[in-house]
């Protein structure tokens, strides 16, 4: 499994590579210190780990460039500063997950494992298995809106939105909003 790790700090890259290669069987981490290096690579990875704060183009903007180059490759954002607006922006632009450098290393390993695993036993959710309202909620989640903002936009109560979100988690077999958005995009339920 080829993992591309883009971070402009060599110590962070080396530490993350060591952790990932020892924790995930068959993982091969390719370290890159710039987005340009990744974009010039011809080998498609299984997953990309992208630092938010890069020299030159920021990681959040670079996320869109990577999505154009490798549209089916999940991207995990990594940052020392996990302020809510940055997290929301990254997830809205298509990041599969957002991991703070302050979190335990197991969180990064879990995010990578989740990104590359596609349980074959779970059948793809079709458009018809979700209601119009659930698809509307899902679309707004993909835009990074909170439950309160979704409720206001759709003229629903927060309690009702929470119910729709939980139903979406069950239908998509996920446990977080970012995973729901990633799975929904990969199945063509939303853009």
N, C-alpha and C. Protein backbone atom coordinates (compact mmCIF):
# COMPACT_ATOMS: atom_id res chain seq x y z
N UNK A 1 0.84 -1.17 0.00
CA UNK A 1 0.00 0.00 0.00
C UNK A 1 0.89 1.24 0.00
N UNK A 2 0.76 2.05 -1.03
CA UNK A 2 1.59 3.25 -1.17
C UNK A 2 0.88 4.45 -0.55
N UNK A 3 1.53 5.08 0.40
CA UNK A 3 1.00 6.27 1.07
C UNK A 3 1.92 7.43 0.73
N UNK A 4 1.36 8.52 0.23
CA UNK A 4 2.14 9.72 -0.02
C UNK A 4 1.93 10.66 1.15
N UNK A 5 3.03 11.08 1.78
CA UNK A 5 3.00 11.99 2.92
C UNK A 5 3.65 13.30 2.51
N UNK A 6 2.85 14.37 2.48
CA UNK A 6 3.34 15.68 2.05
C UNK A 6 3.38 16.61 3.25
N UNK A 7 4.59 16.93 3.69
CA UNK A 7 4.80 17.83 4.83
C UNK A 7 6.17 18.47 4.64
N UNK A 8 6.28 19.77 4.91
CA UNK A 8 7.56 20.44 4.68
C UNK A 8 8.51 20.37 5.88
N UNK A 9 8.16 19.57 6.88
CA UNK A 9 9.05 19.36 8.03
C UNK A 9 9.56 17.92 8.02
N UNK A 10 10.85 17.77 7.79
CA UNK A 10 11.46 16.44 7.67
C UNK A 10 11.27 15.57 8.90
N UNK A 11 11.33 16.16 10.07
CA UNK A 11 11.17 15.39 11.31
C UNK A 11 9.76 14.81 11.41
N UNK A 12 8.77 15.60 11.04
CA UNK A 12 7.38 15.13 11.06
C UNK A 12 7.20 14.00 10.07
N UNK A 13 7.74 14.18 8.85
CA UNK A 13 7.62 13.13 7.83
C UNK A 13 8.26 11.83 8.29
N UNK A 14 9.48 11.93 8.82
CA UNK A 14 10.20 10.72 9.26
C UNK A 14 9.46 10.01 10.38
N UNK A 15 8.94 10.77 11.32
CA UNK A 15 8.19 10.17 12.44
C UNK A 15 6.91 9.50 11.96
N UNK A 16 6.18 10.20 11.11
CA UNK A 16 4.92 9.63 10.60
C UNK A 16 5.19 8.39 9.76
N UNK A 17 6.24 8.44 8.93
CA UNK A 17 6.58 7.28 8.10
C UNK A 17 6.90 6.07 8.97
N UNK A 18 7.73 6.27 9.98
CA UNK A 18 8.10 5.18 10.88
C UNK A 18 6.87 4.57 11.55
N UNK A 19 5.99 5.42 12.04
CA UNK A 19 4.78 4.95 12.72
C UNK A 19 3.88 4.18 11.76
N UNK A 20 3.62 4.76 10.60
CA UNK A 20 2.70 4.12 9.65
C UNK A 20 3.24 2.80 9.12
N UNK A 21 4.53 2.78 8.78
CA UNK A 21 5.11 1.54 8.23
C UNK A 21 5.19 0.43 9.27
N UNK A 22 5.31 0.80 10.55
CA UNK A 22 5.35 -0.24 11.58
C UNK A 22 3.95 -0.67 12.01
N UNK A 23 2.95 0.21 11.87
CA UNK A 23 1.60 -0.10 12.34
C UNK A 23 0.72 -0.72 11.27
N UNK A 24 1.02 -0.49 9.99
CA UNK A 24 0.17 -0.98 8.90
C UNK A 24 0.97 -1.94 8.03
N UNK A 25 0.53 -3.18 8.00
CA UNK A 25 1.22 -4.21 7.23
C UNK A 25 1.20 -3.85 5.75
N UNK A 26 2.38 -3.88 5.13
CA UNK A 26 2.49 -3.61 3.71
C UNK A 26 2.51 -2.15 3.32
N UNK A 27 2.50 -1.27 4.32
CA UNK A 27 2.52 0.17 4.01
C UNK A 27 3.91 0.60 3.55
N UNK A 28 3.92 1.41 2.50
CA UNK A 28 5.16 2.02 2.01
C UNK A 28 4.88 3.51 1.91
N UNK A 29 5.56 4.29 2.76
CA UNK A 29 5.32 5.72 2.81
C UNK A 29 6.35 6.45 1.97
N UNK A 30 5.87 7.22 1.02
CA UNK A 30 6.73 8.05 0.17
C UNK A 30 6.65 9.47 0.71
N UNK A 31 7.78 9.96 1.23
CA UNK A 31 7.84 11.31 1.80
C UNK A 31 8.05 12.35 0.70
N UNK A 32 7.30 13.44 0.77
CA UNK A 32 7.46 14.56 -0.16
C UNK A 32 7.37 15.85 0.64
N UNK A 33 8.25 16.80 0.30
CA UNK A 33 8.26 18.04 1.09
C UNK A 33 7.46 19.17 0.44
N UNK A 34 6.84 18.90 -0.71
CA UNK A 34 6.03 19.94 -1.35
C UNK A 34 4.90 19.32 -2.15
N UNK A 35 3.89 20.11 -2.37
CA UNK A 35 2.76 19.69 -3.18
C UNK A 35 3.20 19.47 -4.62
N UNK A 36 4.12 20.30 -5.08
CA UNK A 36 4.63 20.18 -6.45
C UNK A 36 5.25 18.81 -6.70
N UNK A 37 6.00 18.29 -5.70
CA UNK A 37 6.58 16.95 -5.85
C UNK A 37 5.50 15.90 -6.06
N UNK A 38 4.43 16.00 -5.28
CA UNK A 38 3.34 15.03 -5.39
C UNK A 38 2.65 15.14 -6.74
N UNK A 39 2.40 16.36 -7.18
CA UNK A 39 1.69 16.56 -8.44
C UNK A 39 2.51 16.11 -9.65
N UNK A 40 3.83 16.07 -9.51
CA UNK A 40 4.67 15.62 -10.62
C UNK A 40 4.88 14.11 -10.62
N UNK A 41 4.41 13.43 -9.58
CA UNK A 41 4.54 11.98 -9.48
C UNK A 41 3.53 11.29 -10.39
N UNK A 42 3.95 10.22 -11.03
CA UNK A 42 3.05 9.47 -11.92
C UNK A 42 2.41 8.27 -11.25
N UNK A 43 2.92 7.86 -10.10
CA UNK A 43 2.39 6.71 -9.40
C UNK A 43 1.22 7.11 -8.51
N UNK A 44 0.06 6.51 -8.74
CA UNK A 44 -1.11 6.83 -7.92
C UNK A 44 -1.01 6.12 -6.58
N UNK A 45 -1.12 6.86 -5.48
CA UNK A 45 -1.05 6.24 -4.16
C UNK A 45 -2.41 5.68 -3.73
N UNK A 46 -2.40 4.93 -2.64
CA UNK A 46 -3.65 4.44 -2.05
C UNK A 46 -4.30 5.54 -1.22
N UNK A 47 -3.47 6.38 -0.63
CA UNK A 47 -3.95 7.48 0.21
C UNK A 47 -2.89 8.57 0.26
N UNK A 48 -3.33 9.82 0.44
CA UNK A 48 -2.41 10.95 0.59
C UNK A 48 -2.64 11.57 1.96
N UNK A 49 -1.55 11.87 2.66
CA UNK A 49 -1.60 12.62 3.91
C UNK A 49 -0.98 13.97 3.59
N UNK A 50 -1.75 15.03 3.78
CA UNK A 50 -1.35 16.36 3.33
C UNK A 50 -1.36 17.35 4.49
N UNK A 51 -0.22 18.00 4.72
CA UNK A 51 -0.14 19.02 5.75
C UNK A 51 -0.89 20.26 5.29
N UNK A 52 -1.57 20.91 6.21
CA UNK A 52 -2.34 22.12 5.88
C UNK A 52 -1.41 23.29 5.57
N UNK A 53 -0.35 23.44 6.37
CA UNK A 53 0.54 24.60 6.24
C UNK A 53 1.81 24.22 5.48
N UNK A 54 1.77 24.39 4.17
CA UNK A 54 2.93 24.12 3.32
C UNK A 54 3.47 25.43 2.78
N UNK A 55 4.76 25.44 2.45
CA UNK A 55 5.31 26.62 1.80
C UNK A 55 4.77 26.67 0.37
N UNK A 56 4.48 27.85 -0.11
CA UNK A 56 3.91 27.99 -1.45
C UNK A 56 2.41 27.84 -1.38
N UNK A 57 1.87 26.83 -2.04
CA UNK A 57 0.43 26.59 -2.05
C UNK A 57 0.04 25.91 -0.74
N UNK A 58 -1.02 26.42 -0.10
CA UNK A 58 -1.46 25.80 1.15
C UNK A 58 -2.05 24.43 0.88
N UNK A 59 -2.03 23.60 1.91
CA UNK A 59 -2.56 22.25 1.77
C UNK A 59 -4.03 22.22 1.44
N UNK A 60 -4.81 23.15 2.00
CA UNK A 60 -6.24 23.17 1.73
C UNK A 60 -6.51 23.48 0.26
N UNK A 61 -5.78 24.44 -0.31
CA UNK A 61 -5.91 24.74 -1.74
C UNK A 61 -5.36 23.57 -2.55
N UNK A 62 -4.26 22.99 -2.09
CA UNK A 62 -3.65 21.86 -2.78
C UNK A 62 -4.54 20.64 -2.82
N UNK A 63 -5.44 20.55 -1.89
CA UNK A 63 -6.39 19.44 -1.85
C UNK A 63 -7.17 19.36 -3.16
N UNK A 64 -7.59 20.50 -3.67
CA UNK A 64 -8.33 20.53 -4.94
C UNK A 64 -7.45 20.08 -6.11
N UNK A 65 -6.17 20.47 -6.09
CA UNK A 65 -5.26 20.06 -7.16
C UNK A 65 -5.04 18.55 -7.13
N UNK A 66 -4.88 17.99 -5.91
CA UNK A 66 -4.71 16.54 -5.79
C UNK A 66 -5.96 15.80 -6.24
N UNK A 67 -7.13 16.36 -5.92
CA UNK A 67 -8.39 15.72 -6.32
C UNK A 67 -8.54 15.67 -7.83
N UNK A 68 -7.99 16.68 -8.51
CA UNK A 68 -8.04 16.67 -9.97
C UNK A 68 -7.08 15.63 -10.54
N UNK A 69 -5.90 15.51 -9.93
CA UNK A 69 -4.90 14.55 -10.41
C UNK A 69 -5.32 13.11 -10.11
N UNK A 70 -5.77 12.88 -8.87
CA UNK A 70 -6.17 11.55 -8.43
C UNK A 70 -7.56 11.62 -7.81
N UNK A 71 -8.61 11.66 -8.61
CA UNK A 71 -9.96 11.88 -8.08
C UNK A 71 -10.47 10.79 -7.14
N UNK A 72 -9.93 9.59 -7.24
CA UNK A 72 -10.42 8.49 -6.39
C UNK A 72 -9.54 8.23 -5.17
N UNK A 73 -8.49 9.03 -4.99
CA UNK A 73 -7.57 8.81 -3.88
C UNK A 73 -8.00 9.66 -2.68
N UNK A 74 -8.25 9.01 -1.54
CA UNK A 74 -8.64 9.77 -0.35
C UNK A 74 -7.47 10.59 0.19
N UNK A 75 -7.78 11.79 0.69
CA UNK A 75 -6.77 12.68 1.25
C UNK A 75 -7.09 12.93 2.72
N UNK A 76 -6.10 12.74 3.56
CA UNK A 76 -6.22 13.03 4.99
C UNK A 76 -5.41 14.29 5.27
N UNK A 77 -6.06 15.29 5.82
CA UNK A 77 -5.38 16.54 6.15
C UNK A 77 -4.73 16.40 7.52
N UNK A 78 -3.52 16.97 7.65
CA UNK A 78 -2.74 16.91 8.88
C UNK A 78 -2.35 18.33 9.24
N UNK A 79 -2.49 18.70 10.52
CA UNK A 79 -2.15 20.07 10.90
C UNK A 79 -1.83 20.18 12.38
N UNK A 80 -0.94 21.13 12.68
CA UNK A 80 -0.65 21.46 14.08
C UNK A 80 -1.74 22.37 14.63
N UNK A 81 -2.45 23.04 13.74
CA UNK A 81 -3.50 23.98 14.14
C UNK A 81 -4.83 23.50 13.58
N UNK A 82 -5.65 22.93 14.43
CA UNK A 82 -6.93 22.38 13.98
C UNK A 82 -8.07 23.32 14.34
N UNK A 83 -7.99 24.57 13.85
CA UNK A 83 -9.08 25.48 14.17
C UNK A 83 -10.31 25.06 13.36
N UNK A 84 -11.51 25.26 13.92
CA UNK A 84 -12.73 24.75 13.30
C UNK A 84 -12.95 25.21 11.86
N UNK A 85 -12.59 26.46 11.53
CA UNK A 85 -12.80 26.94 10.17
C UNK A 85 -11.92 26.20 9.16
N UNK A 86 -10.67 25.92 9.56
CA UNK A 86 -9.77 25.18 8.67
C UNK A 86 -10.28 23.75 8.47
N UNK A 87 -10.71 23.12 9.56
CA UNK A 87 -11.24 21.76 9.48
C UNK A 87 -12.45 21.73 8.57
N UNK A 88 -13.37 22.67 8.78
CA UNK A 88 -14.59 22.74 7.98
C UNK A 88 -14.26 22.97 6.51
N UNK A 89 -13.32 23.86 6.24
CA UNK A 89 -12.92 24.16 4.87
C UNK A 89 -12.31 22.92 4.19
N UNK A 90 -11.43 22.24 4.91
CA UNK A 90 -10.79 21.05 4.35
C UNK A 90 -11.81 19.96 4.03
N UNK A 91 -12.73 19.72 4.95
CA UNK A 91 -13.74 18.68 4.72
C UNK A 91 -14.69 19.09 3.60
N UNK A 92 -15.02 20.37 3.53
CA UNK A 92 -15.88 20.85 2.45
C UNK A 92 -15.22 20.71 1.09
N UNK A 93 -13.89 20.82 1.05
CA UNK A 93 -13.17 20.69 -0.22
C UNK A 93 -12.86 19.25 -0.59
N UNK A 94 -13.27 18.31 0.26
CA UNK A 94 -13.14 16.91 -0.11
C UNK A 94 -12.19 16.06 0.71
N UNK A 95 -11.60 16.63 1.77
CA UNK A 95 -10.73 15.81 2.63
C UNK A 95 -11.56 14.70 3.26
N UNK A 96 -11.00 13.51 3.34
CA UNK A 96 -11.69 12.39 3.95
C UNK A 96 -11.69 12.49 5.46
N UNK A 97 -10.59 13.05 6.00
CA UNK A 97 -10.45 13.19 7.45
C UNK A 97 -9.49 14.33 7.74
N UNK A 98 -9.52 14.80 8.96
CA UNK A 98 -8.63 15.86 9.42
C UNK A 98 -8.02 15.38 10.73
N UNK A 99 -6.70 15.29 10.79
CA UNK A 99 -6.00 14.80 11.98
C UNK A 99 -5.08 15.89 12.50
N UNK A 100 -5.23 16.21 13.77
CA UNK A 100 -4.35 17.20 14.41
C UNK A 100 -3.05 16.51 14.81
N UNK A 101 -1.94 17.23 14.67
CA UNK A 101 -0.64 16.68 15.08
C UNK A 101 -0.57 16.52 16.59
N UNK A 102 -1.51 17.10 17.31
CA UNK A 102 -1.56 16.97 18.77
C UNK A 102 -2.27 15.70 19.21
N UNK A 103 -2.96 15.03 18.28
CA UNK A 103 -3.69 13.81 18.63
C UNK A 103 -2.74 12.62 18.77
N UNK A 104 -3.19 11.57 19.45
CA UNK A 104 -2.36 10.36 19.55
C UNK A 104 -2.09 9.77 18.17
N UNK A 105 -0.94 9.14 18.01
CA UNK A 105 -0.56 8.60 16.70
C UNK A 105 -1.56 7.57 16.19
N UNK A 106 -2.26 6.92 17.10
CA UNK A 106 -3.25 5.92 16.68
C UNK A 106 -4.34 6.54 15.82
N UNK A 107 -4.61 7.82 16.02
CA UNK A 107 -5.65 8.51 15.24
C UNK A 107 -5.25 8.57 13.76
N UNK A 108 -3.98 8.84 13.48
CA UNK A 108 -3.52 8.88 12.09
C UNK A 108 -3.57 7.48 11.47
N UNK A 109 -3.15 6.49 12.23
CA UNK A 109 -3.18 5.10 11.74
C UNK A 109 -4.62 4.69 11.44
N UNK A 110 -5.55 5.03 12.34
CA UNK A 110 -6.96 4.70 12.13
C UNK A 110 -7.50 5.40 10.89
N UNK A 111 -7.14 6.66 10.70
CA UNK A 111 -7.62 7.42 9.54
C UNK A 111 -7.13 6.79 8.24
N UNK A 112 -5.87 6.37 8.21
CA UNK A 112 -5.32 5.73 7.01
C UNK A 112 -6.01 4.39 6.76
N UNK A 113 -6.16 3.59 7.81
CA UNK A 113 -6.84 2.30 7.65
C UNK A 113 -8.26 2.47 7.13
N UNK A 114 -8.96 3.46 7.66
CA UNK A 114 -10.34 3.72 7.24
C UNK A 114 -10.37 4.19 5.77
N UNK A 115 -9.39 5.00 5.39
CA UNK A 115 -9.35 5.54 4.03
C UNK A 115 -9.13 4.46 2.98
N UNK A 116 -8.34 3.46 3.30
CA UNK A 116 -8.01 2.45 2.29
C UNK A 116 -8.91 1.22 2.34
N UNK A 117 -9.68 1.10 3.41
CA UNK A 117 -10.53 -0.10 3.50
C UNK A 117 -11.87 0.16 2.83
N UNK A 118 -12.26 -0.75 2.00
CA UNK A 118 -13.57 -0.71 1.36
C UNK A 118 -14.24 -2.04 1.65
N UNK A 119 -15.04 -2.07 2.70
CA UNK A 119 -15.66 -3.36 3.06
C UNK A 119 -16.51 -3.91 1.93
N UNK A 120 -16.10 -5.06 1.43
CA UNK A 120 -16.81 -5.66 0.29
C UNK A 120 -18.17 -6.19 0.69
N UNK A 121 -18.37 -6.41 1.98
CA UNK A 121 -19.66 -6.96 2.40
C UNK A 121 -20.76 -5.90 2.41
N UNK A 122 -20.37 -4.63 2.43
CA UNK A 122 -21.36 -3.55 2.44
C UNK A 122 -21.70 -3.20 1.00
N UNK A 123 -22.96 -3.35 0.63
CA UNK A 123 -23.37 -3.01 -0.73
C UNK A 123 -23.44 -1.50 -0.86
N UNK A 124 -23.15 -1.01 -2.05
CA UNK A 124 -23.19 0.42 -2.30
C UNK A 124 -24.60 0.95 -2.08
N UNK A 125 -24.66 2.07 -1.39
CA UNK A 125 -25.94 2.72 -1.16
C UNK A 125 -26.37 3.40 -2.45
N UNK A 126 -27.59 3.20 -2.85
CA UNK A 126 -28.05 3.85 -4.08
C UNK A 126 -28.82 5.11 -3.73
N UNK A 127 -29.03 5.95 -4.74
CA UNK A 127 -29.76 7.19 -4.54
C UNK A 127 -31.14 6.92 -3.99
N UNK A 128 -31.76 5.81 -4.40
CA UNK A 128 -33.13 5.55 -4.01
C UNK A 128 -33.24 5.09 -2.57
N UNK A 129 -32.17 4.63 -1.94
CA UNK A 129 -32.26 4.17 -0.56
C UNK A 129 -32.20 5.32 0.44
N UNK A 130 -31.87 6.51 -0.01
CA UNK A 130 -31.88 7.69 0.85
C UNK A 130 -33.01 8.60 0.41
N UNK A 131 -33.67 9.20 1.40
CA UNK A 131 -34.76 10.10 1.07
C UNK A 131 -34.21 11.41 0.50
N UNK A 132 -35.09 12.19 -0.12
CA UNK A 132 -34.68 13.50 -0.65
C UNK A 132 -34.14 14.37 0.48
N UNK A 133 -34.79 14.31 1.63
CA UNK A 133 -34.36 15.12 2.77
C UNK A 133 -32.97 14.69 3.25
N UNK A 134 -32.72 13.37 3.30
CA UNK A 134 -31.40 12.88 3.72
C UNK A 134 -30.33 13.32 2.74
N UNK A 135 -30.64 13.29 1.44
CA UNK A 135 -29.67 13.74 0.44
C UNK A 135 -29.40 15.24 0.59
N UNK A 136 -30.43 16.00 0.93
CA UNK A 136 -30.24 17.44 1.15
C UNK A 136 -29.35 17.68 2.37
N UNK A 137 -29.59 16.93 3.44
CA UNK A 137 -28.75 17.05 4.64
C UNK A 137 -27.32 16.65 4.31
N UNK A 138 -27.15 15.58 3.58
CA UNK A 138 -25.82 15.10 3.19
C UNK A 138 -25.08 16.14 2.37
N UNK A 139 -25.77 16.79 1.44
CA UNK A 139 -25.15 17.82 0.63
C UNK A 139 -24.67 18.99 1.50
N UNK A 140 -25.47 19.37 2.48
CA UNK A 140 -25.08 20.48 3.37
C UNK A 140 -23.94 20.07 4.31
N UNK A 141 -23.91 18.80 4.72
CA UNK A 141 -22.78 18.31 5.52
C UNK A 141 -21.49 18.41 4.71
N UNK A 142 -21.58 18.10 3.43
CA UNK A 142 -20.41 18.17 2.55
C UNK A 142 -19.90 19.60 2.41
N UNK A 143 -20.78 20.56 2.62
CA UNK A 143 -20.38 21.96 2.57
C UNK A 143 -19.80 22.43 3.90
N UNK A 144 -19.76 21.53 4.89
CA UNK A 144 -19.16 21.85 6.18
C UNK A 144 -20.10 22.52 7.16
N UNK A 145 -21.40 22.51 6.90
CA UNK A 145 -22.34 23.16 7.79
C UNK A 145 -22.58 22.35 9.06
N UNK A 146 -22.78 23.04 10.15
CA UNK A 146 -23.11 22.40 11.43
C UNK A 146 -24.57 21.95 11.41
N UNK A 147 -24.95 21.13 12.39
CA UNK A 147 -26.35 20.71 12.47
C UNK A 147 -27.27 21.92 12.59
N UNK A 148 -26.86 22.91 13.37
CA UNK A 148 -27.67 24.11 13.56
C UNK A 148 -27.84 24.85 12.23
N UNK A 149 -26.77 24.98 11.46
CA UNK A 149 -26.84 25.66 10.17
C UNK A 149 -27.68 24.86 9.16
N UNK A 150 -27.55 23.53 9.19
CA UNK A 150 -28.36 22.68 8.32
C UNK A 150 -29.84 22.86 8.67
N UNK A 151 -30.13 22.86 9.96
CA UNK A 151 -31.52 23.04 10.42
C UNK A 151 -32.09 24.36 9.94
N UNK A 152 -31.30 25.42 10.06
CA UNK A 152 -31.77 26.73 9.62
C UNK A 152 -32.00 26.75 8.11
N UNK A 153 -31.08 26.16 7.36
CA UNK A 153 -31.17 26.17 5.90
C UNK A 153 -32.39 25.39 5.41
N UNK A 154 -32.69 24.25 6.08
CA UNK A 154 -33.79 23.39 5.63
C UNK A 154 -35.09 23.62 6.40
N UNK A 155 -35.07 24.59 7.32
CA UNK A 155 -36.25 24.91 8.14
C UNK A 155 -36.72 23.70 8.94
N UNK A 156 -35.75 23.07 9.62
CA UNK A 156 -36.02 21.91 10.46
C UNK A 156 -35.51 22.20 11.87
N UNK A 157 -35.86 21.36 12.82
CA UNK A 157 -35.28 21.49 14.16
C UNK A 157 -33.92 20.80 14.17
N UNK A 158 -33.06 21.22 15.10
CA UNK A 158 -31.75 20.55 15.23
C UNK A 158 -31.94 19.08 15.57
N UNK A 159 -32.96 18.77 16.37
CA UNK A 159 -33.25 17.39 16.75
C UNK A 159 -33.53 16.55 15.50
N UNK A 160 -34.32 17.09 14.57
CA UNK A 160 -34.63 16.37 13.32
C UNK A 160 -33.37 16.17 12.48
N UNK A 161 -32.54 17.21 12.42
CA UNK A 161 -31.29 17.09 11.65
C UNK A 161 -30.39 16.02 12.26
N UNK A 162 -30.29 16.00 13.59
CA UNK A 162 -29.49 14.95 14.26
C UNK A 162 -30.00 13.57 13.87
N UNK A 163 -31.30 13.41 13.82
CA UNK A 163 -31.88 12.12 13.41
C UNK A 163 -31.50 11.75 11.99
N UNK A 164 -31.54 12.73 11.08
CA UNK A 164 -31.14 12.47 9.69
C UNK A 164 -29.66 12.10 9.62
N UNK A 165 -28.82 12.80 10.38
CA UNK A 165 -27.38 12.51 10.37
C UNK A 165 -27.13 11.09 10.86
N UNK A 166 -27.79 10.69 11.95
CA UNK A 166 -27.61 9.33 12.46
C UNK A 166 -28.10 8.29 11.46
N UNK A 167 -29.20 8.59 10.77
CA UNK A 167 -29.70 7.66 9.74
C UNK A 167 -28.70 7.55 8.58
N UNK A 168 -28.09 8.67 8.22
CA UNK A 168 -27.07 8.65 7.17
C UNK A 168 -25.87 7.82 7.59
N UNK A 169 -25.43 7.97 8.84
CA UNK A 169 -24.30 7.18 9.34
C UNK A 169 -24.61 5.69 9.20
N UNK A 170 -25.82 5.30 9.58
CA UNK A 170 -26.20 3.89 9.51
C UNK A 170 -26.28 3.43 8.05
N UNK A 171 -26.89 4.24 7.19
CA UNK A 171 -27.06 3.84 5.78
C UNK A 171 -25.72 3.73 5.06
N UNK A 172 -24.78 4.61 5.41
CA UNK A 172 -23.49 4.62 4.74
C UNK A 172 -22.43 3.79 5.47
N UNK A 173 -22.80 3.25 6.64
CA UNK A 173 -21.89 2.44 7.46
C UNK A 173 -20.63 3.21 7.84
N UNK A 174 -20.84 4.40 8.41
CA UNK A 174 -19.74 5.26 8.83
C UNK A 174 -19.99 5.73 10.25
N UNK A 175 -18.98 6.39 10.84
CA UNK A 175 -19.13 6.86 12.22
C UNK A 175 -18.81 8.34 12.39
N UNK A 176 -18.57 9.07 11.30
CA UNK A 176 -18.31 10.50 11.42
C UNK A 176 -18.83 11.24 10.20
N UNK A 177 -18.96 12.55 10.35
CA UNK A 177 -19.44 13.38 9.25
C UNK A 177 -18.48 13.33 8.06
N UNK A 178 -17.17 13.42 8.35
CA UNK A 178 -16.20 13.41 7.25
C UNK A 178 -16.23 12.08 6.50
N UNK A 179 -16.39 10.98 7.22
CA UNK A 179 -16.49 9.68 6.55
C UNK A 179 -17.76 9.60 5.71
N UNK A 180 -18.86 10.15 6.23
CA UNK A 180 -20.12 10.14 5.49
C UNK A 180 -19.97 10.88 4.17
N UNK A 181 -19.32 12.04 4.21
CA UNK A 181 -19.12 12.82 3.00
C UNK A 181 -18.22 12.07 2.03
N UNK A 182 -17.14 11.48 2.54
CA UNK A 182 -16.22 10.74 1.67
C UNK A 182 -16.92 9.57 0.99
N UNK A 183 -17.65 8.77 1.77
CA UNK A 183 -18.33 7.61 1.21
C UNK A 183 -19.40 8.05 0.21
N UNK A 184 -20.14 9.09 0.57
CA UNK A 184 -21.19 9.59 -0.34
C UNK A 184 -20.59 10.07 -1.66
N UNK A 185 -19.46 10.76 -1.60
CA UNK A 185 -18.82 11.21 -2.85
C UNK A 185 -18.32 10.02 -3.66
N UNK A 186 -17.71 9.04 -2.97
CA UNK A 186 -17.16 7.90 -3.70
C UNK A 186 -18.25 7.07 -4.35
N UNK A 187 -19.48 7.14 -3.81
CA UNK A 187 -20.61 6.39 -4.39
C UNK A 187 -21.44 7.25 -5.32
N UNK A 188 -21.03 8.48 -5.54
CA UNK A 188 -21.73 9.35 -6.47
C UNK A 188 -23.04 9.92 -5.96
N UNK A 189 -23.22 9.91 -4.63
CA UNK A 189 -24.46 10.45 -4.07
C UNK A 189 -24.43 11.97 -4.05
N UNK A 190 -23.26 12.54 -3.89
CA UNK A 190 -23.08 13.99 -3.90
C UNK A 190 -21.83 14.31 -4.69
N UNK A 191 -21.67 15.59 -5.05
CA UNK A 191 -20.46 16.03 -5.76
C UNK A 191 -19.41 16.49 -4.78
